[in-house]
Protein backbone atom coordinates (compact mmCIF):
# COMPACT_ATOMS: atom_id res chain seq x y z
CA MET A 1 -11.62 -15.01 1.40
CA LYS A 2 -12.65 -11.54 0.09
CA LEU A 3 -9.34 -9.79 -0.18
CA SER A 4 -5.48 -10.10 0.27
CA VAL A 5 -3.63 -7.30 1.80
CA ILE A 6 -0.12 -7.11 0.64
CA ILE A 7 2.13 -5.07 3.03
CA SER A 8 5.68 -4.17 1.92
CA THR A 9 8.28 -3.70 4.61
CA TYR A 10 12.09 -3.73 5.24
CA ASN A 11 13.80 -3.70 8.64
CA SER A 12 10.95 -1.51 10.37
CA GLU A 13 9.38 -3.94 12.72
CA GLU A 14 8.30 -1.21 15.22
CA TRP A 15 6.19 0.46 12.51
CA LEU A 16 5.05 -2.80 10.97
CA ARG A 17 3.63 -3.93 14.49
CA LYS A 18 1.64 -0.68 14.60
CA VAL A 19 0.36 -1.28 11.13
CA LEU A 20 -0.71 -4.91 12.00
CA LEU A 21 -2.53 -3.64 15.02
CA GLY A 22 -4.55 -1.54 12.53
CA TYR A 23 -5.52 -4.59 10.47
CA SER A 24 -6.40 -6.52 13.63
CA VAL A 25 -9.38 -4.27 14.24
CA GLN A 26 -10.65 -4.02 10.64
CA THR A 27 -14.50 -4.13 10.32
CA GLU A 28 -14.02 -6.75 7.44
CA LYS A 29 -12.47 -9.90 8.88
CA ASP A 30 -12.37 -12.22 5.95
CA ILE A 31 -8.96 -11.15 4.59
CA GLU A 32 -5.54 -12.61 4.46
CA ILE A 33 -2.34 -10.60 5.32
CA ILE A 34 0.75 -11.06 3.16
CA ILE A 35 4.01 -9.42 4.28
CA ALA A 36 6.30 -8.55 1.25
CA ASP A 37 9.52 -8.52 3.05
CA ASP A 38 12.56 -7.05 1.16
CA GLY A 39 15.08 -8.79 3.05
CA SER A 40 14.60 -7.94 6.72
CA SER A 41 16.33 -9.29 9.74
CA GLY A 42 14.80 -11.92 12.13
CA LYS A 43 13.19 -9.14 14.16
CA THR A 44 10.53 -8.63 11.49
CA ALA A 45 9.79 -12.42 11.46
CA GLU A 46 9.32 -12.22 15.25
CA ALA A 47 6.99 -9.30 14.99
CA ILE A 48 4.84 -11.12 12.38
CA ALA A 49 4.76 -14.31 14.52
CA SER A 50 3.35 -12.37 17.48
CA PHE A 51 0.19 -11.53 15.27
CA GLN A 52 -0.43 -15.01 13.83
CA ASP A 53 -3.47 -15.66 16.16
CA LYS A 54 -4.96 -12.14 15.60
CA PHE A 55 -6.58 -12.87 12.17
CA MET A 56 -9.04 -15.26 10.64
CA HIS A 57 -6.39 -16.47 8.25
CA PRO A 58 -2.66 -17.06 8.81
CA ILE A 59 -0.30 -14.35 7.93
CA ILE A 60 1.86 -15.25 4.99
CA HIS A 61 5.47 -14.01 5.25
CA VAL A 62 7.18 -13.79 1.83
CA TRP A 63 10.88 -13.00 2.14
CA HIS A 64 13.96 -12.89 -0.04
CA GLU A 65 17.56 -12.12 0.69
CA ASP A 66 18.62 -8.52 1.22
CA LYS A 67 20.40 -7.39 -2.06
CA GLY A 68 19.45 -3.84 -2.04
CA PHE A 69 16.09 -2.28 -2.96
CA ARG A 70 14.16 -5.01 -4.62
CA LYS A 71 10.53 -4.04 -3.74
CA CYS A 72 9.15 -4.86 -7.16
CA ARG A 73 10.39 -8.35 -7.00
CA ILE A 74 9.09 -9.14 -3.54
CA LEU A 75 5.73 -7.68 -4.54
CA ASN A 76 5.65 -9.98 -7.50
CA LEU A 77 6.45 -12.95 -5.32
CA ALA A 78 3.62 -11.87 -2.85
CA ILE A 79 1.10 -11.71 -5.73
CA LEU A 80 1.93 -15.24 -6.58
CA LYS A 81 1.32 -16.31 -2.97
CA SER A 82 -1.94 -14.58 -2.61
CA ASN A 83 -5.17 -16.62 -2.37
CA SER A 84 -7.65 -13.99 -3.22
CA GLU A 85 -8.83 -12.68 -6.62
CA TYR A 86 -8.77 -9.03 -5.19
CA LEU A 87 -5.51 -7.52 -3.92
CA LEU A 88 -4.96 -4.41 -1.70
CA PHE A 89 -1.42 -2.95 -1.61
CA THR A 90 -0.01 -0.88 1.06
CA ASP A 91 3.28 -0.27 3.07
CA GLY A 92 4.49 -1.40 6.48
CA ASP A 93 4.41 2.40 7.57
CA CYS A 94 0.80 3.01 6.87
CA ILE A 95 -1.73 2.34 9.74
CA PRO A 96 -5.23 1.70 8.34
CA ARG A 97 -8.35 3.15 9.77
CA LYS A 98 -10.70 0.38 10.87
CA ASP A 99 -12.92 0.70 7.68
CA PHE A 100 -9.93 0.73 5.29
CA VAL A 101 -10.43 -2.76 3.78
CA ALA A 102 -14.22 -2.33 3.84
CA GLN A 103 -13.95 0.86 1.75
CA HIS A 104 -11.71 -0.95 -0.81
CA LEU A 105 -14.13 -3.87 -1.17
CA LYS A 106 -17.11 -1.47 -1.43
CA GLU A 107 -15.53 0.44 -4.27
CA LYS A 108 -13.96 -2.47 -6.23
CA GLU A 109 -15.29 -2.85 -9.76
CA ARG A 110 -14.18 -4.81 -12.80
CA GLY A 111 -12.45 -2.61 -15.36
CA PHE A 112 -11.04 -0.34 -12.59
CA PHE A 113 -8.26 -0.17 -9.92
CA LEU A 114 -8.62 1.99 -6.86
CA SER A 115 -6.24 4.94 -6.09
CA GLY A 116 -5.88 5.96 -2.53
CA GLY A 117 -3.60 8.28 -0.55
CA TYR A 118 -2.30 8.78 3.02
CA PHE A 119 -2.08 11.41 5.72
CA LYS A 120 1.48 11.84 6.58
CA LEU A 121 2.41 12.20 10.33
CA PRO A 122 5.59 13.97 11.67
CA MET A 123 8.10 11.84 13.45
CA HIS A 124 7.24 12.99 16.93
CA ILE A 125 3.64 11.90 16.55
CA SER A 126 4.62 8.69 14.77
CA GLN A 127 6.72 7.75 17.80
CA THR A 128 4.00 8.88 20.27
CA ILE A 129 1.20 6.52 18.90
CA SER A 130 0.55 3.87 21.32
CA ASP A 131 -1.27 0.51 20.92
CA ASP A 132 -4.36 1.88 22.49
CA ASP A 133 -4.26 4.96 20.10
CA ILE A 134 -4.49 2.47 17.20
CA LEU A 135 -7.01 0.08 18.75
CA LEU A 136 -9.28 2.86 19.89
CA GLN A 137 -8.75 4.78 16.60
CA ARG A 138 -7.52 8.00 18.33
CA CYS A 139 -4.73 8.37 15.75
CA PHE A 140 -7.33 9.22 13.17
CA SER A 141 -9.05 11.89 15.28
CA ILE A 142 -8.20 15.41 14.16
CA SER A 143 -8.65 16.77 17.68
CA TRP A 144 -6.38 14.04 19.22
CA LEU A 145 -3.60 14.77 16.65
CA ARG A 146 -3.89 18.50 17.42
CA LYS A 147 -3.26 17.69 21.11
CA GLN A 148 -0.17 15.98 20.05
CA GLY A 149 1.19 19.00 18.41
CA LEU A 150 0.03 18.53 14.73
CA LYS A 151 0.17 21.73 12.74
CA LEU A 152 -3.12 21.97 10.81
CA SER A 153 -3.16 22.18 7.09
CA PHE A 154 -5.77 21.62 4.33
CA LYS A 155 -4.47 18.00 4.13
CA VAL A 156 -6.08 17.09 7.46
CA THR A 157 -9.42 17.15 5.72
CA LYS A 158 -8.55 13.57 4.55
CA LEU A 159 -9.40 12.49 8.08
CA ASN A 160 -12.95 14.01 8.06
CA ARG A 161 -15.36 11.17 8.71
CA SER A 162 -18.39 12.61 6.64
CA LYS A 163 -19.24 10.08 3.78
CA TYR A 164 -20.64 13.05 1.81
CA PHE A 165 -17.54 15.22 2.23
CA ALA A 166 -15.44 12.32 1.13
CA LEU A 167 -17.48 11.78 -2.01
CA PHE A 168 -17.32 15.48 -2.91
CA MET A 169 -13.56 15.75 -2.31
CA ASN A 170 -12.83 12.47 -4.34
CA TRP A 171 -14.76 14.12 -7.13
CA VAL A 172 -13.13 17.58 -7.04
CA THR A 173 -9.52 16.74 -6.04
CA PRO A 174 -6.91 17.56 -8.73
CA THR A 175 -4.71 14.65 -7.64
CA LYS A 176 -4.21 12.07 -10.42
CA ARG A 177 -5.80 8.70 -10.05
CA SER A 178 -2.54 6.81 -10.17
CA TRP A 179 -1.49 3.39 -8.65
CA ASN A 180 -0.01 4.47 -5.28
CA GLY A 181 1.87 1.58 -3.60
CA HIS A 182 0.85 2.73 -0.11
CA ASN A 183 -2.85 2.56 -0.88
CA ALA A 184 -4.14 0.85 -4.08
CA SER A 185 -6.07 -2.18 -4.99
CA GLY A 186 -7.13 -4.10 -8.04
CA TYR A 187 -8.02 -7.56 -9.39
CA LYS A 188 -5.25 -9.99 -9.36
CA SER A 189 -6.13 -11.06 -12.98
CA ASP A 190 -5.56 -7.36 -14.16
CA LEU A 191 -1.98 -7.39 -12.61
CA ILE A 192 -1.13 -10.94 -14.02
CA ALA A 193 -2.25 -9.73 -17.50
CA ILE A 194 0.51 -7.06 -17.58
CA ASN A 195 3.07 -9.29 -15.68
CA GLY A 196 3.00 -7.29 -12.47
CA PHE A 197 5.63 -4.90 -11.37
CA ASP A 198 8.78 -4.19 -13.44
CA GLU A 199 11.77 -5.66 -11.43
CA ARG A 200 14.28 -3.48 -13.21
CA LEU A 201 12.97 -0.51 -11.27
CA ASP A 202 14.34 0.87 -8.00
CA TYR A 203 12.56 3.47 -5.67
CA GLY A 204 10.90 6.42 -7.42
CA GLY A 205 7.54 5.93 -9.16
CA GLU A 206 7.93 2.14 -9.72
CA ASP A 207 4.43 1.65 -8.44
CA ARG A 208 3.04 4.29 -10.72
CA GLU A 209 4.76 2.71 -13.66
CA MET A 210 2.73 -0.44 -13.14
CA GLY A 211 -0.48 1.66 -12.95
CA GLU A 212 0.31 3.38 -16.19
CA ARG A 213 0.65 -0.03 -17.85
CA LEU A 214 -2.71 -0.94 -16.38
CA PHE A 215 -4.10 2.20 -18.12
CA ASN A 216 -2.51 1.26 -21.25
CA ASN A 217 -4.21 -2.16 -20.99
CA GLY A 218 -7.70 -0.53 -20.92
CA LEU A 219 -8.28 -0.06 -17.22
CA LEU A 220 -9.70 2.90 -15.57
CA SER A 221 -9.14 4.19 -11.98
CA LYS A 222 -11.32 5.43 -9.11
CA GLN A 223 -10.27 8.06 -6.70
CA ILE A 224 -10.65 6.92 -3.13
CA ARG A 225 -8.17 9.06 -1.17
CA TYR A 226 -10.80 10.54 1.05
CA ARG A 227 -12.64 7.33 1.86
CA ALA A 228 -9.88 4.60 2.46
CA ILE A 229 -7.92 6.32 5.24
CA CYS A 230 -4.48 5.46 6.52
CA VAL A 231 -1.87 7.51 8.37
CA HIS A 232 1.68 7.35 7.32
CA LEU A 233 4.47 7.00 10.02
CA ASP A 234 7.49 9.07 9.30
CA HIS A 235 10.86 7.59 8.53
CA PRO A 236 14.19 8.45 6.65
CA ARG A 237 14.62 7.62 3.02
CA GLY A 238 18.25 6.89 2.76
CA TYR A 239 17.60 4.36 -0.14
CA VAL A 240 16.77 7.17 -2.64
CA ASN A 241 19.11 7.10 -5.69
CA GLN A 242 18.52 10.10 -8.13
CA GLU A 243 20.09 8.20 -11.01
CA LYS A 244 17.71 5.35 -10.50
CA VAL A 245 14.74 7.77 -10.20
CA ALA A 246 15.78 9.24 -13.48
CA TYR A 247 15.96 5.77 -15.10
CA ASN A 248 12.44 4.97 -13.78
CA LEU A 249 11.16 8.28 -15.34
CA GLU A 250 12.73 7.29 -18.76
CA VAL A 251 11.05 3.88 -18.58
CA ARG A 252 7.67 5.39 -17.81
CA LYS A 253 8.00 7.96 -20.63
CA PHE A 254 8.81 5.24 -23.06
CA ASN A 255 5.84 3.14 -21.95
CA ARG A 256 3.41 5.93 -22.27
CA LYS A 257 4.71 7.00 -25.74
CA ASN A 258 4.58 3.42 -27.01
CA HIS A 259 1.42 2.21 -25.08
CA ILE A 260 3.44 -0.55 -23.39
CA THR A 261 1.28 -2.96 -21.30
CA TRP A 262 3.59 -5.93 -20.69
CA THR A 263 7.00 -6.06 -18.90
CA ASP A 264 9.50 -8.89 -19.63
CA PHE A 265 10.92 -8.39 -16.11
CA GLY A 266 7.91 -9.27 -13.96
CA ILE A 267 5.78 -12.19 -12.49
CA ASP A 268 6.16 -14.77 -15.26
CA LYS A 269 9.87 -15.64 -14.42
CA HIS A 270 8.83 -16.72 -10.94
CA GLN A 271 5.92 -18.88 -11.86
CA ASN A 272 7.84 -22.03 -11.18
CA MET A 273 9.60 -21.16 -8.04
C-alpha cells in the first residue's frame, strides 16, 4: 500500500466517526488506517468496527490501557504496526478533505518531512456537521461555513481551492515548518532512525520535539498547510498540565542546544512486544 494514516484518539468516538467518514471518500484508496487509541472505552472500538468494510485494507486498532496521557507511547506502537514505508499522522478530531492523502503522497520526498496545519471550527459548527456535509465536502466550503455562522478571518484562506494560491501561500507564510501531530507525514525509516516519539513527554509540543530531532538528524521540511487541508473539530482540553508543558520545553531546549537526534524513551523498547 502507498501510505499508512495513523490517527490518534481518546474517548471521542463521535468526532472519530466523522473523521473516518472523511477518509472513506479519499481520492487515494490504497491506504491503511491505524487508530492509535490512548485507552478509550469500548465505544471507540464499536465506532471503528462499523467502518471495517469502508476501506480497501482493514483498519488496525492499536490500544493500550488508560493510564493518563500517553499519546507518544501509543503512536510508537502504531508505527510498529504500520505496513507502509510512508506514514501520515493526524488526530481523531481532524476531518480530511478528499484530496488530503493525495496531497501528502504528491509532496513526499526523501530527505524531507511534510508540515501541515488545520482550519479550526467553533463548537457549534463542529456539532452541526452531518454525514452528508462530509461525504459531499460541504464542510470545506467557505460559503457553507458562513451560512453556519462562521466569523470570517484571514485563516479561512486555507480553504481556498486554488492550486496556485496554495503554492504561493505555502511559500510566503511565516509559520514554521514543524512536525505538527494533526497533519504531518514522513518516511517510517526516518522516524525509526531517531527512535520515534519521546514517551517521557506529556501534552504540549511533544510532536514538535520529535520533528526537531528529525531536523537534528539532517532532514528538511516542506510546508503544505495550504494544500493538505483538514478541519479541526472543537473540544475541551482538560488534560493540559502546565508543569508538564514546561518540562517538554526544557527537553526541547536541551535537544536543540546539544543537537540530540535519538531518544532512549522511544520505539526500541517495544520491538519485541
